[in-house]
């Protein structure tokens, strides 16, 4: 499916990242991107920089857009859907990034005839390095894949896996940022400047990620390669084990999964 025009409802971090991605990769021209955001009070900066069309009413965006990316908070779904449903649009195509909100719930809100693809990207889309999971209407999947390949890697999954995906990769960057934050604090405690400790934490995270991404070895094997018998890494990992870090992380993921389920039901 060729993408003729794109509407984006919601221009927070993710909405803006998607817009920047499709424009940078020249998937579509700025004049064919229509944007609506009820919260943003100052759209002029984004308009001036990216040359996209800022739309004041959802009605106009729906009329002009071949495909609509829904990038609002899950709590705003019913309000947006009520407006769109009242317009009685034909051939409505929705690509949703709403956490926890299933294809079934989207169809219930927008109407049974709507074409829907559910996506779960993450914040790394802002630098073109997201991993986005997709599920939903097959004819629309090709357009969704093209859009999110502009933001990083994509993976098509059965929708039943989406709560796990949200917990692991949707929320995932925050877990790595937390580890970097703690590493920085520990470096400062031990005499490093904030700048020095931050650089060490960032570059170590980047290096580990690149090693994992470019290696045929799994994470467990790579971890073992860093760990010398009787060395500092072994001593550190022993504390992780003693403090039941694996069990704690499992609880972290389960908590995120549970919250995703709650968002879907509400």
Protein backbone atom coordinates (compact mmCIF):
# COMPACT_ATOMS: atom_id res chain seq x y z
CA UNK A 1 0.00 0.00 0.00
CA UNK A 2 1.48 3.32 -1.12
CA UNK A 3 1.32 6.03 1.53
CA UNK A 4 -0.36 9.08 -0.03
CA UNK A 5 -0.91 11.20 3.08
CA UNK A 6 -0.34 10.76 6.79
CA UNK A 7 -2.27 12.18 9.72
CA UNK A 8 -0.78 12.21 13.21
CA UNK A 9 -3.02 12.76 16.22
CA UNK A 10 -0.82 13.57 19.22
CA UNK A 11 2.61 15.15 18.92
CA UNK A 12 4.40 14.19 22.11
CA UNK A 13 7.84 12.57 22.02
CA UNK A 14 6.67 9.55 20.02
CA UNK A 15 4.39 11.40 17.63
CA UNK A 16 7.13 13.87 16.77
CA UNK A 17 9.70 11.05 16.41
CA UNK A 18 7.48 9.27 13.89
CA UNK A 19 7.00 12.47 11.89
CA UNK A 20 10.72 13.19 11.86
CA UNK A 21 11.48 9.60 10.88
CA UNK A 22 9.19 9.46 7.84
CA UNK A 23 10.38 12.86 6.66
CA UNK A 24 14.08 12.09 7.15
CA UNK A 25 13.71 8.84 5.20
CA UNK A 26 11.66 10.68 2.55
CA UNK A 27 8.78 8.22 2.85
CA UNK A 28 6.40 11.12 2.34
CA UNK A 29 6.64 14.85 1.67
CA UNK A 30 6.03 17.38 4.47
CA UNK A 31 3.07 18.84 2.58
CA UNK A 32 1.28 15.50 2.90
CA UNK A 33 1.71 15.18 6.68
CA UNK A 34 -1.21 16.51 8.72
CA UNK A 35 -0.82 17.03 12.45
CA UNK A 36 -3.30 17.58 15.26
CA UNK A 37 -2.60 17.99 18.96
CA UNK A 38 -5.08 19.44 21.41
CA UNK A 39 -2.41 20.06 24.07
CA UNK A 40 0.30 21.81 22.06
CA UNK A 41 -0.14 25.59 22.32
CA UNK A 42 2.78 26.54 20.13
CA UNK A 43 2.85 24.47 16.92
CA UNK A 44 4.61 27.20 14.94
CA UNK A 45 8.13 25.97 15.76
CA UNK A 46 7.39 22.46 14.50
CA UNK A 47 5.58 23.81 11.46
CA UNK A 48 8.45 26.12 10.60
CA UNK A 49 11.12 23.44 11.00
CA UNK A 50 9.41 20.45 9.40
CA UNK A 51 6.96 22.21 7.02
CA UNK A 52 4.11 19.87 8.02
CA UNK A 53 0.47 20.97 7.99
CA UNK A 54 -0.88 21.76 11.45
CA UNK A 55 -4.63 21.03 11.54
CA UNK A 56 -6.93 22.77 14.02
CA UNK A 57 -9.78 20.24 13.85
CA UNK A 58 -9.77 16.44 13.79
CA UNK A 59 -12.45 16.50 11.09
CA UNK A 60 -10.09 18.13 8.61
CA UNK A 61 -7.26 15.74 9.46
CA UNK A 62 -9.49 12.69 8.96
CA UNK A 63 -10.69 14.01 5.60
CA UNK A 64 -7.17 14.69 4.31
CA UNK A 65 -5.32 11.62 5.68
CA UNK A 66 -4.93 8.28 3.94
CA UNK A 67 -3.58 6.74 7.16
CA UNK A 68 -3.82 8.10 10.71
CA UNK A 69 -1.26 7.47 13.44
CA UNK A 70 -2.89 7.65 16.84
CA UNK A 71 -0.24 8.80 19.34
CA UNK A 72 -2.28 10.15 22.25
CA UNK A 73 -2.47 8.77 25.78
CA UNK A 74 -4.74 5.73 26.23
CA UNK A 75 -6.93 7.83 28.51
CA UNK A 76 -7.78 10.10 25.54
CA UNK A 77 -8.93 7.28 23.26
CA UNK A 78 -12.67 7.51 23.88
CA UNK A 79 -12.77 11.27 23.38
CA UNK A 80 -10.87 11.10 20.08
CA UNK A 81 -12.81 8.06 18.84
CA UNK A 82 -16.16 9.69 19.58
CA UNK A 83 -15.25 12.66 17.39
CA UNK A 84 -13.93 10.48 14.55
CA UNK A 85 -16.86 8.06 14.71
CA UNK A 86 -19.28 10.98 14.45
CA UNK A 87 -17.71 11.94 11.12
CA UNK A 88 -18.64 8.54 9.65
CA UNK A 89 -15.45 8.32 7.56
CA UNK A 90 -15.06 5.74 4.80
CA UNK A 91 -11.99 3.47 4.63
CA UNK A 92 -10.66 4.66 7.99
CA UNK A 93 -7.13 3.36 8.63
CA UNK A 94 -5.72 3.69 12.15
CA UNK A 95 -2.19 2.86 13.30
CA UNK A 96 -2.19 3.01 17.09
CA UNK A 97 0.73 3.24 19.50
CA UNK A 98 -1.51 3.32 22.58
CA UNK A 99 -0.03 1.14 25.32
CA UNK A 100 -2.29 -1.67 26.46
CA UNK A 101 -5.07 -0.93 23.96
CA UNK A 102 -5.95 -3.95 21.82
CA UNK A 103 -7.12 -4.10 18.22
CA UNK A 104 -10.50 -5.27 19.52
CA UNK A 105 -10.84 -2.22 21.80
CA UNK A 106 -9.82 0.11 18.97
CA UNK A 107 -12.46 -1.41 16.68
CA UNK A 108 -15.04 -1.12 19.44
CA UNK A 109 -14.27 2.59 19.74
CA UNK A 110 -13.81 3.54 16.08
CA UNK A 111 -16.22 1.06 14.49
CA UNK A 112 -16.01 -2.53 13.28
CA UNK A 113 -15.11 -1.58 9.69
CA UNK A 114 -12.00 0.39 10.59
CA UNK A 115 -8.64 -1.03 9.51
CA UNK A 116 -6.37 -1.16 12.57
CA UNK A 117 -2.72 -1.92 13.22
CA UNK A 118 -1.44 -1.89 16.78
CA UNK A 119 2.18 -0.87 17.33
CA UNK A 120 4.55 -0.66 20.27
CA UNK A 121 7.68 1.41 19.54
CA UNK A 122 9.96 2.95 22.17
CA UNK A 123 11.67 6.27 22.80
CA UNK A 124 14.72 5.28 20.74
CA UNK A 125 12.56 6.18 17.73
CA UNK A 126 13.75 9.75 18.36
CA UNK A 127 17.23 8.66 17.17
CA UNK A 128 16.05 6.13 14.59
CA UNK A 129 16.87 3.12 16.77
CA UNK A 130 13.49 1.94 18.05
CA UNK A 131 12.28 -1.63 17.96
CA UNK A 132 8.59 -1.61 17.04
CA UNK A 133 6.26 -4.58 17.37
CA UNK A 134 3.23 -4.63 15.06
CA UNK A 135 0.00 -6.62 14.81
CA UNK A 136 -3.33 -6.16 13.08
CA UNK A 137 -5.02 -5.73 9.69
CA UNK A 138 -2.75 -7.33 7.06
CA UNK A 139 -3.34 -4.88 4.17
CA UNK A 140 -2.48 -1.97 6.49
CA UNK A 141 0.55 -3.75 7.97
CA UNK A 142 2.67 -2.92 4.91
CA UNK A 143 2.16 0.81 5.47
CA UNK A 144 2.80 0.48 9.20
CA UNK A 145 6.02 -1.43 8.56
CA UNK A 146 7.24 1.29 6.15
CA UNK A 147 6.44 4.02 8.67
CA UNK A 148 8.19 2.37 11.61
CA UNK A 149 11.19 1.18 9.60
CA UNK A 150 11.89 4.92 9.39
CA UNK A 151 12.29 4.84 13.18
CA UNK A 152 14.39 1.65 13.56
CA UNK A 153 13.73 -2.09 13.43
CA UNK A 154 10.29 -3.72 13.22
CA UNK A 155 8.90 -7.10 14.22
CA UNK A 156 5.45 -8.51 13.40
CA UNK A 157 3.99 -10.52 16.28
CA UNK A 158 0.79 -12.15 17.41
CA UNK A 159 -1.08 -9.56 19.45
CA UNK A 160 -1.18 -11.87 22.48
CA UNK A 161 2.48 -10.99 23.07
CA UNK A 162 1.96 -7.23 23.25
CA UNK A 163 1.77 -6.83 27.03
CA UNK A 164 5.17 -8.56 27.26
CA UNK A 165 6.54 -6.38 24.43
CA UNK A 166 5.32 -3.22 26.16
CA UNK A 167 6.98 -4.25 29.43
CA UNK A 168 10.25 -5.38 27.83
CA UNK A 169 10.91 -2.90 25.02
CA UNK A 170 8.28 -0.18 25.27
CA UNK A 171 9.26 0.60 28.85
CA UNK A 172 12.69 -0.97 28.43
CA UNK A 173 14.81 2.13 27.77
CA UNK A 174 13.89 3.42 31.23
CA UNK A 175 15.47 0.34 32.85
CA UNK A 176 18.75 0.98 31.05
CA UNK A 177 18.60 4.68 31.88
CA UNK A 178 18.11 3.75 35.54
CA UNK A 179 21.25 1.60 35.48
CA UNK A 180 23.17 4.45 33.82
CA UNK A 181 21.84 6.89 36.41
CA UNK A 182 22.95 4.65 39.28
CA UNK A 183 26.35 4.01 37.68
CA UNK A 184 26.89 7.76 37.35
CA UNK A 185 26.00 8.32 41.01
CA UNK A 186 28.41 5.61 42.11
CA UNK A 187 31.19 7.13 40.02
CA UNK A 188 30.63 10.54 41.62
CA UNK A 189 30.65 8.95 45.08
CA UNK A 190 34.10 7.61 44.30
CA UNK A 191 35.64 10.91 43.23
CA UNK A 192 34.76 11.26 39.56
CA UNK A 193 33.15 14.42 38.26
CA UNK A 194 29.57 14.18 37.04
CA UNK A 195 30.80 14.71 33.48
CA UNK A 196 33.39 11.93 33.77
CA UNK A 197 30.99 9.48 35.42
CA UNK A 198 28.26 10.24 32.88
CA UNK A 199 30.62 9.64 29.96
CA UNK A 200 31.76 6.32 31.44
CA UNK A 201 28.16 5.19 31.99
CA UNK A 202 26.95 6.26 28.53
CA UNK A 203 29.86 4.85 26.56
CA UNK A 204 29.81 1.56 28.48
CA UNK A 205 26.09 1.18 27.71
CA UNK A 206 26.68 2.05 24.05
CA UNK A 207 29.61 -0.34 23.75
CA UNK A 208 27.71 -3.22 25.37
CA UNK A 209 24.71 -2.61 23.08
CA UNK A 210 26.88 -2.57 19.96
CA UNK A 211 28.67 -5.72 21.04
CA UNK A 212 25.34 -7.49 21.53
CA UNK A 213 23.89 -6.12 18.29
CA UNK A 214 26.88 -7.10 16.12
CA UNK A 215 27.69 -10.47 17.71
CA UNK A 216 26.26 -13.92 17.04
CA UNK A 217 26.73 -14.70 20.73
CA UNK A 218 23.86 -14.43 23.20
CA UNK A 219 23.91 -12.05 26.17
CA UNK A 220 24.78 -14.82 28.64
CA UNK A 221 27.89 -15.79 26.68
CA UNK A 222 28.96 -12.17 26.27
CA UNK A 223 28.56 -11.67 30.02
CA UNK A 224 30.80 -14.68 30.64
CA UNK A 225 33.46 -13.19 28.36
CA UNK A 226 33.63 -10.10 30.58
CA UNK A 227 33.78 -12.21 33.74
CA UNK A 228 37.23 -13.46 34.76
CA UNK A 229 37.59 -16.09 37.49
CA UNK A 230 38.22 -14.32 40.78
CA UNK A 231 38.03 -10.87 39.19
CA UNK A 232 36.08 -7.69 39.83
CA UNK A 233 33.17 -8.56 37.51
CA UNK A 234 32.64 -11.90 39.20
CA UNK A 235 32.57 -10.16 42.59
CA UNK A 236 30.00 -7.68 41.32
CA UNK A 237 27.76 -10.31 39.71
CA UNK A 238 27.85 -12.35 42.90
CA UNK A 239 26.14 -9.46 44.72
CA UNK A 240 23.47 -9.31 42.01
CA UNK A 241 22.84 -13.01 42.61
CA UNK A 242 22.81 -12.71 46.41
CA UNK A 243 20.36 -9.81 46.27
CA UNK A 244 18.08 -11.80 43.94
CA UNK A 245 18.34 -9.32 41.08
CA UNK A 246 16.86 -11.81 38.59
CA UNK A 247 13.75 -12.30 40.73
CA UNK A 248 13.45 -8.54 41.25
CA UNK A 249 13.64 -7.89 37.51
CA UNK A 250 10.98 -10.53 36.90
CA UNK A 251 8.71 -8.62 39.32
CA UNK A 252 9.50 -5.37 37.47
CA UNK A 253 8.34 -6.87 34.16
CA UNK A 254 5.27 -8.41 35.73
CA UNK A 255 4.29 -5.05 37.21
CA UNK A 256 4.56 -3.39 33.79
CA UNK A 257 2.55 -6.22 32.18
CA UNK A 258 -0.17 -5.84 34.80
CA UNK A 259 -0.38 -2.09 34.25
CA UNK A 260 -0.66 -2.64 30.51
CA UNK A 261 -3.55 -5.01 31.07
CA UNK A 262 -5.24 -2.43 33.32
CA UNK A 263 -4.85 0.30 30.68
CA UNK A 264 -6.38 -2.00 28.09
CA UNK A 265 -9.40 -2.74 30.25
CA UNK A 266 -9.98 0.89 31.26
